[in-house]
């Protein structure tokens, strides 16, 4: 029984650490909230975003406005709102989204 409690006791402490990081502390890497360009801020409605949140908001916009090409689901047909953040392109591949969002985030020193 003690071995079993040691195993599950360790899991509880790991899970507690995960929830505290998610709830209170500032993220690192792509989860770090940073100021963004004016065009991305007007698109997302927030002046500070993490990279992950920005991609999530772009995908929400794509899904809600049905902007995926029906013949090729890997291709996004840009509306006027997406063109403001995607360098005016008419179509982009879904793998390009992160690359096209990169200029909207400041370079860290």
PDB file of N, CA and C in Angstrom:
ATOM      1  N   UNK A   1       0.812  -1.197   0.000  1.00  0.00           N
ATOM      2  CA  UNK A   1       0.000   0.000   0.000  1.00  0.00           C
ATOM      3  C   UNK A   1       0.855   1.260   0.000  1.00  0.00           C
ATOM      4  N   UNK A   2       1.999   1.206   0.696  1.00  0.00           N
ATOM      5  CA  UNK A   2       2.855   2.393   0.740  1.00  0.00           C
ATOM      6  C   UNK A   2       3.469   2.681  -0.624  1.00  0.00           C
ATOM      7  N   UNK A   3       3.803   1.620  -1.372  1.00  0.00           N
ATOM      8  CA  UNK A   3       4.346   1.833  -2.720  1.00  0.00           C
ATOM      9  C   UNK A   3       3.304   2.483  -3.616  1.00  0.00           C
ATOM     10  N   UNK A   4       2.078   2.064  -3.478  1.00  0.00           N
ATOM     11  CA  UNK A   4       0.993   2.624  -4.270  1.00  0.00           C
ATOM     12  C   UNK A   4       0.773   4.097  -3.935  1.00  0.00           C
ATOM     13  N   UNK A   5       0.815   4.446  -2.668  1.00  0.00           N
ATOM     14  CA  UNK A   5       0.615   5.844  -2.286  1.00  0.00           C
ATOM     15  C   UNK A   5       1.799   6.703  -2.727  1.00  0.00           C
ATOM     16  N   UNK A   6       3.004   6.113  -2.742  1.00  0.00           N
ATOM     17  CA  UNK A   6       4.155   6.863  -3.235  1.00  0.00           C
ATOM     18  C   UNK A   6       3.984   7.213  -4.706  1.00  0.00           C
ATOM     19  N   UNK A   7       3.505   6.268  -5.497  1.00  0.00           N
ATOM     20  CA  UNK A   7       3.316   6.497  -6.929  1.00  0.00           C
ATOM     21  C   UNK A   7       2.270   7.575  -7.161  1.00  0.00           C
ATOM     22  N   UNK A   8       1.107   7.430  -6.547  1.00  0.00           N
ATOM     23  CA  UNK A   8       0.037   8.387  -6.777  1.00  0.00           C
ATOM     24  C   UNK A   8       0.294   9.710  -6.067  1.00  0.00           C
ATOM     25  N   UNK A   9       1.015   9.667  -4.967  1.00  0.00           N
ATOM     26  CA  UNK A   9       1.379  10.900  -4.286  1.00  0.00           C
ATOM     27  C   UNK A   9       2.282  11.753  -5.162  1.00  0.00           C
ATOM     28  N   UNK A  10       3.190  11.101  -5.883  1.00  0.00           N
ATOM     29  CA  UNK A  10       4.063  11.827  -6.812  1.00  0.00           C
ATOM     30  C   UNK A  10       3.282  12.438  -7.954  1.00  0.00           C
ATOM     31  N   UNK A  11       2.275  11.727  -8.425  1.00  0.00           N
ATOM     32  CA  UNK A  11       1.433  12.254  -9.507  1.00  0.00           C
ATOM     33  C   UNK A  11       0.674  13.485  -9.056  1.00  0.00           C
ATOM     34  N   UNK A  12       0.201  13.462  -7.840  1.00  0.00           N
ATOM     35  CA  UNK A  12      -0.554  14.614  -7.335  1.00  0.00           C
ATOM     36  C   UNK A  12       0.328  15.853  -7.277  1.00  0.00           C
ATOM     37  N   UNK A  13       1.565  15.682  -6.849  1.00  0.00           N
ATOM     38  CA  UNK A  13       2.443  16.848  -6.767  1.00  0.00           C
ATOM     39  C   UNK A  13       2.787  17.363  -8.156  1.00  0.00           C
ATOM     40  N   UNK A  14       2.942  16.491  -9.124  1.00  0.00           N
ATOM     41  CA  UNK A  14       3.203  16.916 -10.499  1.00  0.00           C
ATOM     42  C   UNK A  14       1.997  17.665 -11.040  1.00  0.00           C
ATOM     43  N   UNK A  15       0.799  17.130 -10.813  1.00  0.00           N
ATOM     44  CA  UNK A  15      -0.417  17.771 -11.287  1.00  0.00           C
ATOM     45  C   UNK A  15      -0.617  19.132 -10.614  1.00  0.00           C
ATOM     46  N   UNK A  16      -0.260  19.246  -9.346  1.00  0.00           N
ATOM     47  CA  UNK A  16      -0.392  20.520  -8.643  1.00  0.00           C
ATOM     48  C   UNK A  16       0.522  21.564  -9.282  1.00  0.00           C
ATOM     49  N   UNK A  17       1.730  21.144  -9.651  1.00  0.00           N
ATOM     50  CA  UNK A  17       2.655  22.071 -10.293  1.00  0.00           C
ATOM     51  C   UNK A  17       2.118  22.539 -11.633  1.00  0.00           C
ATOM     52  N   UNK A  18       1.538  21.644 -12.398  1.00  0.00           N
ATOM     53  CA  UNK A  18       0.994  22.003 -13.704  1.00  0.00           C
ATOM     54  C   UNK A  18      -0.125  23.018 -13.553  1.00  0.00           C
ATOM     55  N   UNK A  19      -1.035  22.807 -12.616  1.00  0.00           N
ATOM     56  CA  UNK A  19      -2.155  23.724 -12.460  1.00  0.00           C
ATOM     57  C   UNK A  19      -1.697  25.084 -11.953  1.00  0.00           C
ATOM     58  N   UNK A  20      -0.675  25.139 -11.099  1.00  0.00           N
ATOM     59  CA  UNK A  20      -0.210  26.441 -10.648  1.00  0.00           C
ATOM     60  C   UNK A  20       0.452  27.199 -11.780  1.00  0.00           C
ATOM     61  N   UNK A  21       1.220  26.518 -12.620  1.00  0.00           N
ATOM     62  CA  UNK A  21       1.834  27.211 -13.752  1.00  0.00           C
ATOM     63  C   UNK A  21       0.782  27.716 -14.724  1.00  0.00           C
ATOM     64  N   UNK A  22      -0.232  26.934 -14.979  1.00  0.00           N
ATOM     65  CA  UNK A  22      -1.266  27.331 -15.924  1.00  0.00           C
ATOM     66  C   UNK A  22      -2.108  28.468 -15.355  1.00  0.00           C
ATOM     67  N   UNK A  23      -2.304  28.475 -14.058  1.00  0.00           N
ATOM     68  CA  UNK A  23      -3.208  29.456 -13.469  1.00  0.00           C
ATOM     69  C   UNK A  23      -2.541  30.795 -13.192  1.00  0.00           C
ATOM     70  N   UNK A  24      -1.333  30.786 -12.637  1.00  0.00           N
ATOM     71  CA  UNK A  24      -0.822  32.031 -12.118  1.00  0.00           C
ATOM     72  C   UNK A  24       0.406  32.613 -12.764  1.00  0.00           C
ATOM     73  N   UNK A  25       1.363  31.806 -13.123  1.00  0.00           N
ATOM     74  CA  UNK A  25       2.645  32.331 -13.557  1.00  0.00           C
ATOM     75  C   UNK A  25       2.656  32.639 -15.041  1.00  0.00           C
ATOM     76  N   UNK A  26       3.522  33.574 -15.418  1.00  0.00           N
ATOM     77  CA  UNK A  26       3.653  33.962 -16.822  1.00  0.00           C
ATOM     78  C   UNK A  26       4.339  32.849 -17.598  1.00  0.00           C
ATOM     79  N   UNK A  27       3.878  32.600 -18.818  1.00  0.00           N
ATOM     80  CA  UNK A  27       4.419  31.536 -19.638  1.00  0.00           C
ATOM     81  C   UNK A  27       5.792  31.867 -20.194  1.00  0.00           C
ATOM     82  N   UNK A  28       6.397  30.866 -20.803  1.00  0.00           N
ATOM     83  CA  UNK A  28       7.692  31.041 -21.443  1.00  0.00           C
ATOM     84  C   UNK A  28       7.577  30.563 -22.870  1.00  0.00           C
ATOM     85  N   UNK A  29       8.480  30.994 -23.725  1.00  0.00           N
ATOM     86  CA  UNK A  29       8.477  30.549 -25.116  1.00  0.00           C
ATOM     87  C   UNK A  29       7.248  31.048 -25.858  1.00  0.00           C
ATOM     88  N   UNK A  30       6.553  30.139 -26.529  1.00  0.00           N
ATOM     89  CA  UNK A  30       5.389  30.547 -27.315  1.00  0.00           C
ATOM     90  C   UNK A  30       4.183  30.876 -26.439  1.00  0.00           C
ATOM     91  N   UNK A  31       4.261  30.581 -25.151  1.00  0.00           N
ATOM     92  CA  UNK A  31       3.166  30.896 -24.236  1.00  0.00           C
ATOM     93  C   UNK A  31       3.353  32.240 -23.539  1.00  0.00           C
ATOM     94  N   UNK A  32       4.484  32.902 -23.767  1.00  0.00           N
ATOM     95  CA  UNK A  32       4.760  34.180 -23.132  1.00  0.00           C
ATOM     96  C   UNK A  32       3.946  35.284 -23.794  1.00  0.00           C
ATOM     97  N   UNK A  33       3.269  36.079 -23.015  1.00  0.00           N
ATOM     98  CA  UNK A  33       2.472  37.189 -23.518  1.00  0.00           C
ATOM     99  C   UNK A  33       3.381  38.380 -23.770  1.00  0.00           C
ATOM    100  N   UNK A  34       3.344  38.901 -25.000  1.00  0.00           N
ATOM    101  CA  UNK A  34       4.190  40.027 -25.395  1.00  0.00           C
ATOM    102  C   UNK A  34       3.360  41.035 -26.185  1.00  0.00           C
ATOM    103  N   UNK A  35       3.813  42.286 -26.271  1.00  0.00           N
ATOM    104  CA  UNK A  35       3.123  43.261 -27.117  1.00  0.00           C
ATOM    105  C   UNK A  35       3.234  42.848 -28.589  1.00  0.00           C
ATOM    106  N   UNK A  36       2.194  43.114 -29.372  1.00  0.00           N
ATOM    107  CA  UNK A  36       2.174  42.728 -30.782  1.00  0.00           C
ATOM    108  C   UNK A  36       1.993  43.972 -31.650  1.00  0.00           C
ATOM    109  N   UNK A  37       2.160  43.800 -32.958  1.00  0.00           N
ATOM    110  CA  UNK A  37       2.004  44.909 -33.888  1.00  0.00           C
ATOM    111  C   UNK A  37       0.576  45.442 -33.861  1.00  0.00           C
ATOM    112  N   UNK A  38       0.401  46.654 -34.375  1.00  0.00           N
ATOM    113  CA  UNK A  38      -0.925  47.270 -34.369  1.00  0.00           C
ATOM    114  C   UNK A  38      -1.914  46.487 -35.220  1.00  0.00           C
ATOM    115  N   UNK A  39      -1.455  45.961 -36.347  1.00  0.00           N
ATOM    116  CA  UNK A  39      -2.376  45.226 -37.218  1.00  0.00           C
ATOM    117  C   UNK A  39      -2.855  43.937 -36.559  1.00  0.00           C
ATOM    118  N   UNK A  40      -1.970  43.209 -35.882  1.00  0.00           N
ATOM    119  CA  UNK A  40      -2.376  41.988 -35.179  1.00  0.00           C
ATOM    120  C   UNK A  40      -3.230  42.328 -33.968  1.00  0.00           C
ATOM    121  N   UNK A  41      -2.912  43.419 -33.290  1.00  0.00           N
ATOM    122  CA  UNK A  41      -3.704  43.838 -32.133  1.00  0.00           C
ATOM    123  C   UNK A  41      -5.128  44.197 -32.547  1.00  0.00           C
ATOM    124  N   UNK A  42      -5.290  44.861 -33.677  1.00  0.00           N
ATOM    125  CA  UNK A  42      -6.643  45.196 -34.129  1.00  0.00           C
ATOM    126  C   UNK A  42      -7.387  43.946 -34.596  1.00  0.00           C
ATOM    127  N   UNK A  43      -6.666  42.985 -35.177  1.00  0.00           N
ATOM    128  CA  UNK A  43      -7.289  41.719 -35.590  1.00  0.00           C
ATOM    129  C   UNK A  43      -7.795  40.941 -34.383  1.00  0.00           C
ATOM    130  N   UNK A  44      -6.934  40.814 -33.370  1.00  0.00           N
ATOM    131  CA  UNK A  44      -7.252  39.979 -32.208  1.00  0.00           C
ATOM    132  C   UNK A  44      -8.065  40.708 -31.142  1.00  0.00           C
ATOM    133  N   UNK A  45      -8.002  42.030 -31.152  1.00  0.00           N
ATOM    134  CA  UNK A  45      -8.713  42.797 -30.136  1.00  0.00           C
ATOM    135  C   UNK A  45      -7.945  42.913 -28.833  1.00  0.00           C
ATOM    136  N   UNK A  46      -6.667  42.558 -28.842  1.00  0.00           N
ATOM    137  CA  UNK A  46      -5.824  42.645 -27.652  1.00  0.00           C
ATOM    138  C   UNK A  46      -4.460  43.189 -28.055  1.00  0.00           C
ATOM    139  N   UNK A  47      -3.858  44.003 -27.187  1.00  0.00           N
ATOM    140  CA  UNK A  47      -2.555  44.579 -27.514  1.00  0.00           C
ATOM    141  C   UNK A  47      -1.395  43.663 -27.140  1.00  0.00           C
ATOM    142  N   UNK A  48      -1.646  42.685 -26.270  1.00  0.00           N
ATOM    143  CA  UNK A  48      -0.610  41.721 -25.878  1.00  0.00           C
ATOM    144  C   UNK A  48      -1.161  40.316 -26.039  1.00  0.00           C
ATOM    145  N   UNK A  49      -0.385  39.472 -26.725  1.00  0.00           N
ATOM    146  CA  UNK A  49      -0.788  38.091 -26.982  1.00  0.00           C
ATOM    147  C   UNK A  49       0.414  37.176 -26.873  1.00  0.00           C
ATOM    148  N   UNK A  50       0.159  35.909 -26.648  1.00  0.00           N
ATOM    149  CA  UNK A  50       1.207  34.906 -26.816  1.00  0.00           C
ATOM    150  C   UNK A  50       1.112  34.406 -28.256  1.00  0.00           C
ATOM    151  N   UNK A  51       2.164  33.801 -28.733  1.00  0.00           N
ATOM    152  CA  UNK A  51       2.130  33.257 -30.096  1.00  0.00           C
ATOM    153  C   UNK A  51       1.044  32.194 -30.240  1.00  0.00           C
ATOM    154  N   UNK A  52       0.906  31.362 -29.225  1.00  0.00           N
ATOM    155  CA  UNK A  52      -0.107  30.301 -29.271  1.00  0.00           C
ATOM    156  C   UNK A  52      -1.517  30.894 -29.328  1.00  0.00           C
ATOM    157  N   UNK A  53      -1.765  31.939 -28.565  1.00  0.00           N
ATOM    158  CA  UNK A  53      -3.069  32.582 -28.563  1.00  0.00           C
ATOM    159  C   UNK A  53      -3.347  33.245 -29.904  1.00  0.00           C
ATOM    160  N   UNK A  54      -2.333  33.842 -30.510  1.00  0.00           N
ATOM    161  CA  UNK A  54      -2.514  34.487 -31.810  1.00  0.00           C
ATOM    162  C   UNK A  54      -2.908  33.456 -32.870  1.00  0.00           C
ATOM    163  N   UNK A  55      -2.226  32.325 -32.897  1.00  0.00           N
ATOM    164  CA  UNK A  55      -2.564  31.270 -33.852  1.00  0.00           C
ATOM    165  C   UNK A  55      -3.976  30.756 -33.584  1.00  0.00           C
ATOM    166  N   UNK A  56      -4.321  30.624 -32.323  1.00  0.00           N
ATOM    167  CA  UNK A  56      -5.655  30.152 -31.951  1.00  0.00           C
ATOM    168  C   UNK A  56      -6.734  31.117 -32.443  1.00  0.00           C
ATOM    169  N   UNK A  57      -6.488  32.429 -32.288  1.00  0.00           N
ATOM    170  CA  UNK A  57      -7.466  33.424 -32.734  1.00  0.00           C
ATOM    171  C   UNK A  57      -7.591  33.433 -34.255  1.00  0.00           C
ATOM    172  N   UNK A  58      -6.479  33.238 -34.960  1.00  0.00           N
ATOM    173  CA  UNK A  58      -6.534  33.166 -36.420  1.00  0.00           C
ATOM    174  C   UNK A  58      -7.374  31.967 -36.845  1.00  0.00           C
ATOM    175  N   UNK A  59      -7.147  30.820 -36.215  1.00  0.00           N
ATOM    176  CA  UNK A  59      -7.921  29.626 -36.560  1.00  0.00           C
ATOM    177  C   UNK A  59      -9.395  29.778 -36.216  1.00  0.00           C
ATOM    178  N   UNK A  60      -9.706  30.450 -35.123  1.00  0.00           N
ATOM    179  CA  UNK A  60     -11.105  30.713 -34.783  1.00  0.00           C
ATOM    180  C   UNK A  60     -11.773  31.533 -35.885  1.00  0.00           C
ATOM    181  N   UNK A  61     -11.050  32.543 -36.382  1.00  0.00           N
ATOM    182  CA  UNK A  61     -11.576  33.392 -37.454  1.00  0.00           C
ATOM    183  C   UNK A  61     -11.767  32.580 -38.742  1.00  0.00           C
ATOM    184  N   UNK A  62     -10.794  31.743 -39.054  1.00  0.00           N
ATOM    185  CA  UNK A  62     -10.876  30.918 -40.268  1.00  0.00           C
ATOM    186  C   UNK A  62     -12.069  29.968 -40.182  1.00  0.00           C
ATOM    187  N   UNK A  63     -12.221  29.302 -39.054  1.00  0.00           N
ATOM    188  CA  UNK A  63     -13.319  28.341 -38.890  1.00  0.00           C
ATOM    189  C   UNK A  63     -14.680  29.036 -38.880  1.00  0.00           C
ATOM    190  N   UNK A  64     -14.791  30.164 -38.170  1.00  0.00           N
ATOM    191  CA  UNK A  64     -16.092  30.820 -38.053  1.00  0.00           C
ATOM    192  C   UNK A  64     -16.546  31.442 -39.375  1.00  0.00           C
ATOM    193  N   UNK A  65     -15.599  31.800 -40.236  1.00  0.00           N
ATOM    194  CA  UNK A  65     -15.952  32.399 -41.525  1.00  0.00           C
ATOM    195  C   UNK A  65     -15.811  31.422 -42.689  1.00  0.00           C
ATOM    196  N   UNK A  66     -15.536  30.146 -42.379  1.00  0.00           N
ATOM    197  CA  UNK A  66     -15.436  29.094 -43.401  1.00  0.00           C
ATOM    198  C   UNK A  66     -14.464  29.484 -44.524  1.00  0.00           C
ATOM    199  N   UNK A  67     -13.221  29.782 -44.136  1.00  0.00           N
ATOM    200  CA  UNK A  67     -12.230  30.273 -45.095  1.00  0.00           C
ATOM    201  C   UNK A  67     -11.283  29.201 -45.615  1.00  0.00           C
ATOM    202  N   UNK A  68     -11.480  27.953 -45.226  1.00  0.00           N
ATOM    203  CA  UNK A  68     -10.654  26.885 -45.784  1.00  0.00           C
ATOM    204  C   UNK A  68     -11.169  26.528 -47.169  1.00  0.00           C
ATOM    205  N   UNK A  69     -10.232  26.309 -48.096  1.00  0.00           N
ATOM    206  CA  UNK A  69     -10.592  25.911 -49.451  1.00  0.00           C
ATOM    207  C   UNK A  69     -11.252  24.534 -49.381  1.00  0.00           C
ATOM    208  N   UNK A  70     -12.481  24.376 -49.909  1.00  0.00           N
ATOM    209  CA  UNK A  70     -13.159  23.078 -49.810  1.00  0.00           C
ATOM    210  C   UNK A  70     -12.452  21.956 -50.568  1.00  0.00           C
ATOM    211  N   UNK A  71     -11.762  22.276 -51.670  1.00  0.00           N
ATOM    212  CA  UNK A  71     -11.050  21.240 -52.431  1.00  0.00           C
ATOM    213  C   UNK A  71      -9.727  20.863 -51.774  1.00  0.00           C
ATOM    214  N   UNK A  72      -9.056  21.857 -51.197  1.00  0.00           N
ATOM    215  CA  UNK A  72      -7.760  21.627 -50.559  1.00  0.00           C
ATOM    216  C   UNK A  72      -7.825  22.220 -49.154  1.00  0.00           C
ATOM    217  N   UNK A  73      -8.117  21.411 -48.160  1.00  0.00           N
ATOM    218  CA  UNK A  73      -8.332  21.905 -46.798  1.00  0.00           C
ATOM    219  C   UNK A  73      -7.061  22.474 -46.166  1.00  0.00           C
ATOM    220  N   UNK A  74      -5.909  22.239 -46.783  1.00  0.00           N
ATOM    221  CA  UNK A  74      -4.653  22.795 -46.268  1.00  0.00           C
ATOM    222  C   UNK A  74      -4.459  24.242 -46.691  1.00  0.00           C
ATOM    223  N   UNK A  75      -5.354  24.752 -47.522  1.00  0.00           N
ATOM    224  CA  UNK A  75      -5.234  26.105 -48.058  1.00  0.00           C
ATOM    225  C   UNK A  75      -6.291  27.014 -47.429  1.00  0.00           C
ATOM    226  N   UNK A  76      -5.861  28.210 -47.042  1.00  0.00           N
ATOM    227  CA  UNK A  76      -6.741  29.194 -46.427  1.00  0.00           C
ATOM    228  C   UNK A  76      -6.975  30.311 -47.434  1.00  0.00           C
ATOM    229  N   UNK A  77      -8.227  30.635 -47.681  1.00  0.00           N
ATOM    230  CA  UNK A  77      -8.574  31.759 -48.552  1.00  0.00           C
ATOM    231  C   UNK A  77      -8.731  32.977 -47.647  1.00  0.00           C
ATOM    232  N   UNK A  78      -7.879  33.978 -47.820  1.00  0.00           N
ATOM    233  CA  UNK A  78      -7.842  35.131 -46.921  1.00  0.00           C
ATOM    234  C   UNK A  78      -8.944  36.134 -47.258  1.00  0.00           C
ATOM    235  N   UNK A  79      -9.659  36.568 -46.229  1.00  0.00           N
ATOM    236  CA  UNK A  79     -10.588  37.675 -46.393  1.00  0.00           C
ATOM    237  C   UNK A  79      -9.817  38.965 -46.080  1.00  0.00           C
ATOM    238  N   UNK A  80     -10.497  40.104 -46.121  1.00  0.00           N
ATOM    239  CA  UNK A  80      -9.821  41.384 -45.909  1.00  0.00           C
ATOM    240  C   UNK A  80      -9.160  41.471 -44.532  1.00  0.00           C
ATOM    241  N   UNK A  81      -9.805  40.905 -43.531  1.00  0.00           N
ATOM    242  CA  UNK A  81      -9.258  40.952 -42.173  1.00  0.00           C
ATOM    243  C   UNK A  81      -7.967  40.145 -42.070  1.00  0.00           C
ATOM    244  N   UNK A  82      -7.909  38.972 -42.703  1.00  0.00           N
ATOM    245  CA  UNK A  82      -6.688  38.160 -42.677  1.00  0.00           C
ATOM    246  C   UNK A  82      -5.587  38.782 -43.531  1.00  0.00           C
ATOM    247  N   UNK A  83      -5.968  39.452 -44.621  1.00  0.00           N
ATOM    248  CA  UNK A  83      -4.955  40.067 -45.481  1.00  0.00           C
ATOM    249  C   UNK A  83      -4.149  41.128 -44.747  1.00  0.00           C
ATOM    250  N   UNK A  84      -4.752  41.766 -43.735  1.00  0.00           N
ATOM    251  CA  UNK A  84      -4.019  42.787 -42.982  1.00  0.00           C
ATOM    252  C   UNK A  84      -2.851  42.207 -42.202  1.00  0.00           C
ATOM    253  N   UNK A  85      -2.964  40.942 -41.786  1.00  0.00           N
ATOM    254  CA  UNK A  85      -1.862  40.341 -41.022  1.00  0.00           C
ATOM    255  C   UNK A  85      -1.031  39.367 -41.848  1.00  0.00           C
ATOM    256  N   UNK A  86      -1.519  38.977 -43.022  1.00  0.00           N
ATOM    257  CA  UNK A  86      -0.803  38.014 -43.870  1.00  0.00           C
ATOM    258  C   UNK A  86      -0.219  38.658 -45.124  1.00  0.00           C
ATOM    259  N   UNK A  87       0.292  39.870 -44.983  1.00  0.00           N
ATOM    260  CA  UNK A  87       1.015  40.567 -46.052  1.00  0.00           C
ATOM    261  C   UNK A  87       0.203  40.717 -47.335  1.00  0.00           C
ATOM    262  N   UNK A  88      -1.116  40.804 -47.224  1.00  0.00           N
ATOM    263  CA  UNK A  88      -1.970  41.022 -48.383  1.00  0.00           C
ATOM    264  C   UNK A  88      -2.146  39.820 -49.298  1.00  0.00           C
ATOM    265  N   UNK A  89      -1.748  38.647 -48.854  1.00  0.00           N
ATOM    266  CA  UNK A  89      -1.862  37.446 -49.687  1.00  0.00           C
ATOM    267  C   UNK A  89      -3.319  37.012 -49.808  1.00  0.00           C
ATOM    268  N   UNK A  90      -3.688  36.485 -50.995  1.00  0.00           N
ATOM    269  CA  UNK A  90      -5.041  35.985 -51.221  1.00  0.00           C
ATOM    270  C   UNK A  90      -5.243  34.597 -50.632  1.00  0.00           C
ATOM    271  N   UNK A  91      -4.196  33.761 -50.705  1.00  0.00           N
ATOM    272  CA  UNK A  91      -4.264  32.390 -50.186  1.00  0.00           C
ATOM    273  C   UNK A  91      -2.964  32.081 -49.442  1.00  0.00           C
ATOM    274  N   UNK A  92      -3.094  31.331 -48.355  1.00  0.00           N
ATOM    275  CA  UNK A  92      -1.910  30.864 -47.621  1.00  0.00           C
ATOM    276  C   UNK A  92      -2.131  29.409 -47.240  1.00  0.00           C
ATOM    277  N   UNK A  93      -1.042  28.677 -47.107  1.00  0.00           N
ATOM    278  CA  UNK A  93      -1.103  27.307 -46.606  1.00  0.00           C
ATOM    279  C   UNK A  93      -1.178  27.338 -45.097  1.00  0.00           C
ATOM    280  N   UNK A  94      -1.807  26.332 -44.498  1.00  0.00           N
ATOM    281  CA  UNK A  94      -1.951  26.362 -43.045  1.00  0.00           C
ATOM    282  C   UNK A  94      -0.610  26.243 -42.339  1.00  0.00           C
ATOM    283  N   UNK A  95       0.404  25.714 -43.026  1.00  0.00           N
ATOM    284  CA  UNK A  95       1.735  25.624 -42.406  1.00  0.00           C
ATOM    285  C   UNK A  95       2.449  26.980 -42.416  1.00  0.00           C
ATOM    286  N   UNK A  96       1.962  27.930 -43.201  1.00  0.00           N
ATOM    287  CA  UNK A  96       2.574  29.257 -43.285  1.00  0.00           C
ATOM    288  C   UNK A  96       2.105  30.199 -42.190  1.00  0.00           C
ATOM    289  N   UNK A  97       1.046  29.865 -41.492  1.00  0.00           N
ATOM    290  CA  UNK A  97       0.429  30.797 -40.557  1.00  0.00           C
ATOM    291  C   UNK A  97       1.423  31.280 -39.501  1.00  0.00           C
ATOM    292  N   UNK A  98       2.124  30.385 -38.859  1.00  0.00           N
ATOM    293  CA  UNK A  98       3.080  30.778 -37.816  1.00  0.00           C
ATOM    294  C   UNK A  98       4.189  31.655 -38.382  1.00  0.00           C
ATOM    295  N   UNK A  99       4.653  31.333 -39.592  1.00  0.00           N
ATOM    296  CA  UNK A  99       5.716  32.125 -40.224  1.00  0.00           C
ATOM    297  C   UNK A  99       5.216  33.533 -40.551  1.00  0.00           C
ATOM    298  N   UNK A 100       3.980  33.638 -41.033  1.00  0.00           N
ATOM    299  CA  UNK A 100       3.435  34.941 -41.380  1.00  0.00           C
ATOM    300  C   UNK A 100       3.081  35.774 -40.153  1.00  0.00           C
ATOM    301  N   UNK A 101       2.848  35.136 -39.020  1.00  0.00           N
ATOM    302  CA  UNK A 101       2.578  35.871 -37.786  1.00  0.00           C
ATOM    303  C   UNK A 101       3.857  36.357 -37.111  1.00  0.00           C
ATOM    304  N   UNK A 102       4.965  35.739 -37.414  1.00  0.00           N
ATOM    305  CA  UNK A 102       6.231  36.038 -36.750  1.00  0.00           C
ATOM    306  C   UNK A 102       6.634  37.527 -36.795  1.00  0.00           C
ATOM    307  N   UNK A 103       6.486  38.225 -37.931  1.00  0.00           N
ATOM    308  CA  UNK A 103       6.873  39.651 -37.932  1.00  0.00           C
ATOM    309  C   UNK A 103       6.029  40.526 -37.007  1.00  0.00           C
ATOM    310  N   UNK A 104       4.907  40.048 -36.559  1.00  0.00           N
ATOM    311  CA  UNK A 104       4.035  40.844 -35.686  1.00  0.00           C
ATOM    312  C   UNK A 104       4.465  40.768 -34.218  1.00  0.00           C
ATOM    313  N   UNK A 105       5.450  39.938 -33.911  1.00  0.00           N
ATOM    314  CA  UNK A 105       5.965  39.812 -32.550  1.00  0.00           C
ATOM    315  C   UNK A 105       7.361  40.419 -32.485  1.00  0.00           C
ATOM    316  N   UNK A 106       7.687  41.144 -31.409  1.00  0.00           N
ATOM    317  CA  UNK A 106       9.019  41.743 -31.299  1.00  0.00           C
ATOM    318  C   UNK A 106      10.092  40.673 -31.113  1.00  0.00           C
ATOM    319  N   UNK A 107      11.255  40.964 -31.641  1.00  0.00           N
ATOM    320  CA  UNK A 107      12.392  40.049 -31.437  1.00  0.00           C
ATOM    321  C   UNK A 107      12.930  40.246 -30.029  1.00  0.00           C
ATOM    322  N   UNK A 108      13.179  39.142 -29.331  1.00  0.00           N
ATOM    323  CA  UNK A 108      13.737  39.250 -27.974  1.00  0.00           C
ATOM    324  C   UNK A 108      15.233  39.491 -28.066  1.00  0.00           C
ATOM    325  N   UNK A 109      15.746  40.264 -27.120  1.00  0.00           N
ATOM    326  CA  UNK A 109      17.158  40.635 -27.140  1.00  0.00           C
ATOM    327  C   UNK A 109      17.976  39.667 -26.361  1.00  0.00           C
TER     328      UNK A 109
END
